[in-house]
PDB file of all heavy atoms in Angstrom:
ATOM      1  N   ALA A   1      43.535 -92.386  26.193  1.00  0.00           N
ATOM      2  CA  ALA A   1      43.098 -93.868  25.959  1.00  0.00           C
ATOM      3  C   ALA A   1      44.204 -94.543  25.312  1.00  0.00           C
ATOM      4  O   ALA A   1      44.382 -95.765  25.473  1.00  0.00           O
ATOM      5  CB  ALA A   1      41.827 -93.797  25.130  1.00  0.00           C
ATOM      6  N   THR A   2      44.959 -93.889  24.408  1.00  0.00           N
ATOM      7  CA  THR A   2      46.033 -94.585  23.509  1.00  0.00           C
ATOM      8  C   THR A   2      47.398 -94.426  24.171  1.00  0.00           C
ATOM      9  O   THR A   2      48.369 -95.132  23.724  1.00  0.00           O
ATOM     10  CB  THR A   2      46.109 -93.905  22.131  1.00  0.00           C
ATOM     11  OG1 THR A   2      46.324 -92.497  22.297  1.00  0.00           O
ATOM     12  CG2 THR A   2      44.741 -94.169  21.427  1.00  0.00           C
ATOM     13  N   GLY A   3      47.474 -93.574  25.286  1.00  0.00           N
ATOM     14  CA  GLY A   3      48.808 -93.502  25.939  1.00  0.00           C
ATOM     15  C   GLY A   3      49.873 -92.642  25.064  1.00  0.00           C
ATOM     16  O   GLY A   3      50.975 -93.052  24.950  1.00  0.00           O
ATOM     17  N   SER A   4      49.413 -91.580  24.578  1.00  0.00           N
ATOM     18  CA  SER A   4      50.359 -90.740  23.795  1.00  0.00           C
ATOM     19  C   SER A   4      51.534 -90.182  24.637  1.00  0.00           C
ATOM     20  O   SER A   4      51.315 -89.951  25.892  1.00  0.00           O
ATOM     21  CB  SER A   4      49.659 -89.598  23.102  1.00  0.00           C
ATOM     22  OG  SER A   4      50.487 -88.603  22.598  1.00  0.00           O
ATOM     23  N   SER A   5      52.712 -90.025  24.058  1.00  0.00           N
ATOM     24  CA  SER A   5      53.896 -89.532  24.755  1.00  0.00           C
ATOM     25  C   SER A   5      53.805 -88.021  25.016  1.00  0.00           C
ATOM     26  O   SER A   5      54.621 -87.479  25.883  1.00  0.00           O
ATOM     27  CB  SER A   5      55.120 -89.783  23.995  1.00  0.00           C
ATOM     28  OG  SER A   5      55.100 -89.167  22.688  1.00  0.00           O
ATOM     29  N   SER A   6      52.982 -87.306  24.426  1.00  0.00           N
ATOM     30  CA  SER A   6      52.944 -85.819  24.663  1.00  0.00           C
ATOM     31  C   SER A   6      51.806 -85.382  25.424  1.00  0.00           C
ATOM     32  O   SER A   6      51.130 -84.251  25.152  1.00  0.00           O
ATOM     33  CB  SER A   6      52.868 -85.127  23.222  1.00  0.00           C
ATOM     34  OG  SER A   6      51.756 -85.478  22.507  1.00  0.00           O
ATOM     35  N   LEU A   7      51.283 -86.240  26.268  1.00  0.00           N
ATOM     36  CA  LEU A   7      50.026 -86.003  27.120  1.00  0.00           C
ATOM     37  C   LEU A   7      50.188 -84.625  27.872  1.00  0.00           C
ATOM     38  O   LEU A   7      49.354 -83.827  28.078  1.00  0.00           O
ATOM     39  CB  LEU A   7      49.719 -87.094  28.060  1.00  0.00           C
ATOM     40  CG  LEU A   7      48.871 -88.293  27.577  1.00  0.00           C
ATOM     41  CD1 LEU A   7      48.747 -89.339  28.386  1.00  0.00           C
ATOM     42  CD2 LEU A   7      47.580 -87.605  26.930  1.00  0.00           C
ATOM     43  N   GLY A   8      51.480 -84.506  28.546  1.00  0.00           N
ATOM     44  CA  GLY A   8      51.628 -83.329  29.507  1.00  0.00           C
ATOM     45  C   GLY A   8      51.647 -82.009  28.632  1.00  0.00           C
ATOM     46  O   GLY A   8      50.939 -81.084  29.078  1.00  0.00           O
ATOM     47  N   PHE A   9      52.251 -82.029  27.591  1.00  0.00           N
ATOM     48  CA  PHE A   9      52.148 -80.800  26.703  1.00  0.00           C
ATOM     49  C   PHE A   9      50.775 -80.479  26.284  1.00  0.00           C
ATOM     50  O   PHE A   9      50.249 -79.478  26.325  1.00  0.00           O
ATOM     51  CB  PHE A   9      53.113 -80.989  25.501  1.00  0.00           C
ATOM     52  CG  PHE A   9      53.079 -79.843  24.537  1.00  0.00           C
ATOM     53  CD1 PHE A   9      53.609 -78.602  24.813  1.00  0.00           C
ATOM     54  CD2 PHE A   9      52.539 -79.946  23.308  1.00  0.00           C
ATOM     55  CE1 PHE A   9      53.652 -77.561  23.939  1.00  0.00           C
ATOM     56  CE2 PHE A   9      52.439 -78.940  22.398  1.00  0.00           C
ATOM     57  CZ  PHE A   9      53.024 -77.670  22.724  1.00  0.00           C
ATOM     58  N   SER A  10      50.101 -81.568  25.753  1.00  0.00           N
ATOM     59  CA  SER A  10      48.619 -81.350  25.204  1.00  0.00           C
ATOM     60  C   SER A  10      47.816 -80.896  26.333  1.00  0.00           C
ATOM     61  O   SER A  10      46.901 -79.971  26.075  1.00  0.00           O
ATOM     62  CB  SER A  10      48.192 -82.642  24.595  1.00  0.00           C
ATOM     63  OG  SER A  10      48.998 -82.947  23.498  1.00  0.00           O
ATOM     64  N   PHE A  11      47.976 -81.516  27.491  1.00  0.00           N
ATOM     65  CA  PHE A  11      47.070 -81.065  28.709  1.00  0.00           C
ATOM     66  C   PHE A  11      47.279 -79.644  29.021  1.00  0.00           C
ATOM     67  O   PHE A  11      46.220 -78.924  29.279  1.00  0.00           O
ATOM     68  CB  PHE A  11      47.400 -81.929  29.925  1.00  0.00           C
ATOM     69  CG  PHE A  11      46.683 -81.547  31.045  1.00  0.00           C
ATOM     70  CD1 PHE A  11      45.314 -81.947  31.203  1.00  0.00           C
ATOM     71  CD2 PHE A  11      47.233 -80.815  32.116  1.00  0.00           C
ATOM     72  CE1 PHE A  11      44.630 -81.393  32.422  1.00  0.00           C
ATOM     73  CE2 PHE A  11      46.546 -80.469  33.227  1.00  0.00           C
ATOM     74  CZ  PHE A  11      45.266 -80.723  33.408  1.00  0.00           C
ATOM     75  N   GLN A  12      48.513 -79.163  29.052  1.00  0.00           N
ATOM     76  CA  GLN A  12      48.679 -77.706  29.350  1.00  0.00           C
ATOM     77  C   GLN A  12      48.096 -76.828  28.253  1.00  0.00           C
ATOM     78  O   GLN A  12      47.500 -75.776  28.698  1.00  0.00           O
ATOM     79  CB  GLN A  12      50.151 -77.485  29.513  1.00  0.00           C
ATOM     80  CG  GLN A  12      50.797 -78.132  30.703  1.00  0.00           C
ATOM     81  CD  GLN A  12      52.372 -77.947  30.739  1.00  0.00           C
ATOM     82  OE1 GLN A  12      52.609 -76.714  31.267  1.00  0.00           O
ATOM     83  NE2 GLN A  12      53.156 -78.858  30.308  1.00  0.00           N
ATOM     84  N   ILE A  13      48.185 -77.195  27.026  1.00  0.00           N
ATOM     85  CA  ILE A  13      47.646 -76.390  25.961  1.00  0.00           C
ATOM     86  C   ILE A  13      46.139 -76.362  26.114  1.00  0.00           C
ATOM     87  O   ILE A  13      45.555 -75.245  26.005  1.00  0.00           O
ATOM     88  CB  ILE A  13      48.055 -76.884  24.596  1.00  0.00           C
ATOM     89  CG1 ILE A  13      49.434 -76.743  24.369  1.00  0.00           C
ATOM     90  CG2 ILE A  13      47.241 -76.321  23.430  1.00  0.00           C
ATOM     91  CD1 ILE A  13      49.982 -75.376  24.105  1.00  0.00           C
ATOM     92  N   VAL A  14      45.575 -77.423  26.273  1.00  0.00           N
ATOM     93  CA  VAL A  14      44.051 -77.516  26.508  1.00  0.00           C
ATOM     94  C   VAL A  14      43.517 -76.674  27.645  1.00  0.00           C
ATOM     95  O   VAL A  14      42.527 -75.898  27.553  1.00  0.00           O
ATOM     96  CB  VAL A  14      43.544 -78.986  26.647  1.00  0.00           C
ATOM     97  CG1 VAL A  14      42.054 -79.015  27.024  1.00  0.00           C
ATOM     98  CG2 VAL A  14      43.773 -79.700  25.337  1.00  0.00           C
ATOM     99  N   LEU A  15      44.338 -76.776  28.756  1.00  0.00           N
ATOM    100  CA  LEU A  15      44.035 -76.074  30.003  1.00  0.00           C
ATOM    101  C   LEU A  15      43.977 -74.551  29.746  1.00  0.00           C
ATOM    102  O   LEU A  15      43.087 -73.876  30.110  1.00  0.00           O
ATOM    103  CB  LEU A  15      44.991 -76.452  31.168  1.00  0.00           C
ATOM    104  CG  LEU A  15      44.714 -75.912  32.504  1.00  0.00           C
ATOM    105  CD1 LEU A  15      43.394 -76.427  33.047  1.00  0.00           C
ATOM    106  CD2 LEU A  15      45.809 -76.082  33.494  1.00  0.00           C
ATOM    107  N   TRP A  16      45.051 -74.123  29.097  1.00  0.00           N
ATOM    108  CA  TRP A  16      45.214 -72.649  28.886  1.00  0.00           C
ATOM    109  C   TRP A  16      44.254 -72.116  27.811  1.00  0.00           C
ATOM    110  O   TRP A  16      43.827 -70.937  27.864  1.00  0.00           O
ATOM    111  CB  TRP A  16      46.669 -72.230  28.566  1.00  0.00           C
ATOM    112  CG  TRP A  16      47.425 -72.235  29.837  1.00  0.00           C
ATOM    113  CD1 TRP A  16      48.475 -73.239  30.133  1.00  0.00           C
ATOM    114  CD2 TRP A  16      47.532 -71.319  30.879  1.00  0.00           C
ATOM    115  NE1 TRP A  16      48.953 -72.878  31.426  1.00  0.00           N
ATOM    116  CE2 TRP A  16      48.447 -71.785  31.862  1.00  0.00           C
ATOM    117  CE3 TRP A  16      46.812 -70.104  31.034  1.00  0.00           C
ATOM    118  CZ2 TRP A  16      48.659 -71.078  33.020  1.00  0.00           C
ATOM    119  CZ3 TRP A  16      47.068 -69.314  32.168  1.00  0.00           C
ATOM    120  CH2 TRP A  16      48.015 -69.863  33.120  1.00  0.00           C
ATOM    121  N   LEU A  17      43.860 -73.010  26.856  1.00  0.00           N
ATOM    122  CA  LEU A  17      42.750 -72.590  25.914  1.00  0.00           C
ATOM    123  C   LEU A  17      41.461 -72.277  26.671  1.00  0.00           C
ATOM    124  O   LEU A  17      40.764 -71.201  26.425  1.00  0.00           O
ATOM    125  CB  LEU A  17      42.679 -73.658  24.866  1.00  0.00           C
ATOM    126  CG  LEU A  17      43.747 -73.827  23.812  1.00  0.00           C
ATOM    127  CD1 LEU A  17      43.561 -74.998  22.944  1.00  0.00           C
ATOM    128  CD2 LEU A  17      43.853 -72.526  22.986  1.00  0.00           C
ATOM    129  N   TRP A  18      41.192 -73.265  27.486  1.00  0.00           N
ATOM    130  CA  TRP A  18      39.865 -72.959  28.285  1.00  0.00           C
ATOM    131  C   TRP A  18      40.023 -71.898  29.202  1.00  0.00           C
ATOM    132  O   TRP A  18      39.062 -71.038  29.380  1.00  0.00           O
ATOM    133  CB  TRP A  18      39.433 -74.181  29.066  1.00  0.00           C
ATOM    134  CG  TRP A  18      38.957 -75.376  28.309  1.00  0.00           C
ATOM    135  CD1 TRP A  18      39.382 -76.571  28.077  1.00  0.00           C
ATOM    136  CD2 TRP A  18      37.625 -75.172  27.621  1.00  0.00           C
ATOM    137  NE1 TRP A  18      38.518 -77.217  27.168  1.00  0.00           N
ATOM    138  CE2 TRP A  18      37.413 -76.475  26.959  1.00  0.00           C
ATOM    139  CE3 TRP A  18      36.661 -74.253  27.451  1.00  0.00           C
ATOM    140  CZ2 TRP A  18      36.321 -76.714  26.180  1.00  0.00           C
ATOM    141  CZ3 TRP A  18      35.543 -74.490  26.706  1.00  0.00           C
ATOM    142  CH2 TRP A  18      35.340 -75.730  26.111  1.00  0.00           C
ATOM    143  N   PHE A  19      41.223 -71.640  29.797  1.00  0.00           N
ATOM    144  CA  PHE A  19      41.410 -70.430  30.542  1.00  0.00           C
ATOM    145  C   PHE A  19      41.180 -69.035  29.856  1.00  0.00           C
ATOM    146  O   PHE A  19      40.650 -68.091  30.286  1.00  0.00           O
ATOM    147  CB  PHE A  19      42.820 -70.359  31.271  1.00  0.00           C
ATOM    148  CG  PHE A  19      43.000 -71.137  32.474  1.00  0.00           C
ATOM    149  CD1 PHE A  19      44.152 -71.771  32.953  1.00  0.00           C
ATOM    150  CD2 PHE A  19      41.852 -71.451  33.247  1.00  0.00           C
ATOM    151  CE1 PHE A  19      44.324 -72.306  34.040  1.00  0.00           C
ATOM    152  CE2 PHE A  19      41.987 -72.184  34.389  1.00  0.00           C
ATOM    153  CZ  PHE A  19      43.141 -72.680  34.849  1.00  0.00           C
ATOM    154  N   THR A  20      41.642 -69.162  28.544  1.00  0.00           N
ATOM    155  CA  THR A  20      41.482 -67.978  27.651  1.00  0.00           C
ATOM    156  C   THR A  20      39.978 -67.597  27.516  1.00  0.00           C
ATOM    157  O   THR A  20      39.583 -66.467  27.590  1.00  0.00           O
ATOM    158  CB  THR A  20      42.047 -68.192  26.329  1.00  0.00           C
ATOM    159  OG1 THR A  20      43.460 -68.666  26.399  1.00  0.00           O
ATOM    160  CG2 THR A  20      41.982 -67.101  25.328  1.00  0.00           C
ATOM    161  N   VAL A  21      39.200 -68.684  27.260  1.00  0.00           N
ATOM    162  CA  VAL A  21      37.779 -68.485  27.147  1.00  0.00           C
ATOM    163  C   VAL A  21      37.078 -67.946  28.403  1.00  0.00           C
ATOM    164  O   VAL A  21      36.395 -66.946  28.481  1.00  0.00           O
ATOM    165  CB  VAL A  21      37.044 -69.852  26.779  1.00  0.00           C
ATOM    166  CG1 VAL A  21      35.511 -69.558  26.658  1.00  0.00           C
ATOM    167  CG2 VAL A  21      37.608 -70.273  25.409  1.00  0.00           C
ATOM    168  N   LEU A  22      37.637 -68.651  29.580  1.00  0.00           N
ATOM    169  CA  LEU A  22      36.987 -68.197  30.942  1.00  0.00           C
ATOM    170  C   LEU A  22      37.410 -66.823  31.253  1.00  0.00           C
ATOM    171  O   LEU A  22      36.614 -66.020  31.835  1.00  0.00           O
ATOM    172  CB  LEU A  22      37.381 -69.244  32.003  1.00  0.00           C
ATOM    173  CG  LEU A  22      36.792 -70.489  31.970  1.00  0.00           C
ATOM    174  CD1 LEU A  22      37.525 -71.528  32.842  1.00  0.00           C
ATOM    175  CD2 LEU A  22      35.361 -70.396  32.281  1.00  0.00           C
ATOM    176  N   PHE A  23      38.689 -66.425  30.928  1.00  0.00           N
ATOM    177  CA  PHE A  23      39.046 -65.093  31.288  1.00  0.00           C
ATOM    178  C   PHE A  23      38.316 -64.018  30.458  1.00  0.00           C
ATOM    179  O   PHE A  23      37.950 -62.951  30.987  1.00  0.00           O
ATOM    180  CB  PHE A  23      40.531 -64.893  31.018  1.00  0.00           C
ATOM    181  CG  PHE A  23      41.439 -65.678  31.959  1.00  0.00           C
ATOM    182  CD1 PHE A  23      42.814 -65.906  31.690  1.00  0.00           C
ATOM    183  CD2 PHE A  23      40.912 -66.053  33.239  1.00  0.00           C
ATOM    184  CE1 PHE A  23      43.554 -66.690  32.496  1.00  0.00           C
ATOM    185  CE2 PHE A  23      41.763 -66.756  34.069  1.00  0.00           C
ATOM    186  CZ  PHE A  23      43.055 -67.127  33.794  1.00  0.00           C
ATOM    187  N   ALA A  24      38.037 -64.310  29.168  1.00  0.00           N
ATOM    188  CA  ALA A  24      37.196 -63.464  28.358  1.00  0.00           C
ATOM    189  C   ALA A  24      35.861 -63.291  28.977  1.00  0.00           C
ATOM    190  O   ALA A  24      35.219 -62.148  29.075  1.00  0.00           O
ATOM    191  CB  ALA A  24      37.055 -63.947  26.930  1.00  0.00           C
ATOM    192  N   ASN A  25      35.171 -64.375  29.363  1.00  0.00           N
ATOM    193  CA  ASN A  25      33.878 -64.430  30.013  1.00  0.00           C
ATOM    194  C   ASN A  25      34.008 -63.660  31.369  1.00  0.00           C
ATOM    195  O   ASN A  25      32.999 -62.966  31.691  1.00  0.00           O
ATOM    196  CB  ASN A  25      33.432 -65.823  30.367  1.00  0.00           C
ATOM    197  CG  ASN A  25      33.068 -66.614  28.955  1.00  0.00           C
ATOM    198  OD1 ASN A  25      32.906 -65.945  28.047  1.00  0.00           O
ATOM    199  ND2 ASN A  25      32.909 -67.938  29.084  1.00  0.00           N
ATOM    200  N   PHE A  26      35.147 -63.842  32.085  1.00  0.00           N
ATOM    201  CA  PHE A  26      35.162 -63.170  33.372  1.00  0.00           C
ATOM    202  C   PHE A  26      35.274 -61.673  33.243  1.00  0.00           C
ATOM    203  O   PHE A  26      34.679 -60.858  33.967  1.00  0.00           O
ATOM    204  CB  PHE A  26      36.615 -63.659  34.108  1.00  0.00           C
ATOM    205  CG  PHE A  26      36.771 -62.958  35.411  1.00  0.00           C
ATOM    206  CD1 PHE A  26      36.046 -63.369  36.553  1.00  0.00           C
ATOM    207  CD2 PHE A  26      37.803 -62.094  35.549  1.00  0.00           C
ATOM    208  CE1 PHE A  26      36.277 -62.808  37.801  1.00  0.00           C
ATOM    209  CE2 PHE A  26      38.176 -61.489  36.737  1.00  0.00           C
ATOM    210  CZ  PHE A  26      37.327 -61.846  37.834  1.00  0.00           C
ATOM    211  N   ALA A  27      35.908 -61.203  32.196  1.00  0.00           N
ATOM    212  CA  ALA A  27      36.067 -59.724  31.838  1.00  0.00           C
ATOM    213  C   ALA A  27      34.611 -59.223  31.707  1.00  0.00           C
ATOM    214  O   ALA A  27      34.265 -58.135  32.264  1.00  0.00           O
ATOM    215  CB  ALA A  27      36.791 -59.473  30.629  1.00  0.00           C
ATOM    216  N   GLU A  28      33.828 -59.829  30.824  1.00  0.00           N
ATOM    217  CA  GLU A  28      32.396 -59.395  30.595  1.00  0.00           C
ATOM    218  C   GLU A  28      31.514 -59.607  31.944  1.00  0.00           C
ATOM    219  O   GLU A  28      30.790 -58.707  32.223  1.00  0.00           O
ATOM    220  CB  GLU A  28      31.812 -60.311  29.530  1.00  0.00           C
ATOM    221  CG  GLU A  28      30.321 -59.724  29.046  1.00  0.00           C
ATOM    222  CD  GLU A  28      29.949 -60.486  27.847  1.00  0.00           C
ATOM    223  OE1 GLU A  28      30.611 -61.262  27.282  1.00  0.00           O
ATOM    224  OE2 GLU A  28      28.766 -60.210  27.507  1.00  0.00           O
ATOM    225  N   ALA A  29      31.788 -60.562  32.639  1.00  0.00           N
ATOM    226  CA  ALA A  29      31.013 -60.776  33.892  1.00  0.00           C
ATOM    227  C   ALA A  29      31.307 -59.716  34.955  1.00  0.00           C
ATOM    228  O   ALA A  29      30.472 -59.258  35.678  1.00  0.00           O
ATOM    229  CB  ALA A  29      31.247 -62.198  34.487  1.00  0.00           C
ATOM    230  N   VAL A  30      32.639 -59.314  35.097  1.00  0.00           N
ATOM    231  CA  VAL A  30      32.905 -58.272  35.998  1.00  0.00           C
ATOM    232  C   VAL A  30      32.252 -56.908  35.519  1.00  0.00           C
ATOM    233  O   VAL A  30      31.761 -56.219  36.440  1.00  0.00           O
ATOM    234  CB  VAL A  30      34.470 -58.094  36.026  1.00  0.00           C
ATOM    235  CG1 VAL A  30      34.869 -56.778  36.883  1.00  0.00           C
ATOM    236  CG2 VAL A  30      35.143 -59.308  36.710  1.00  0.00           C
ATOM    237  N   ALA A  31      32.332 -56.645  34.269  1.00  0.00           N
ATOM    238  CA  ALA A  31      31.663 -55.448  33.837  1.00  0.00           C
ATOM    239  C   ALA A  31      30.169 -55.424  34.065  1.00  0.00           C
ATOM    240  O   ALA A  31      29.574 -54.504  34.468  1.00  0.00           O
ATOM    241  CB  ALA A  31      31.879 -55.156  32.331  1.00  0.00           C
TER     242      ALA A  31
END
């Protein structure tokens, strides 16, 4: 909304944080 200059970096960090949670859930779901 404010047009920050570090959007690309922040977006990648957020994306991989959620992937970390999903991969943990995936491990349990596969088991």
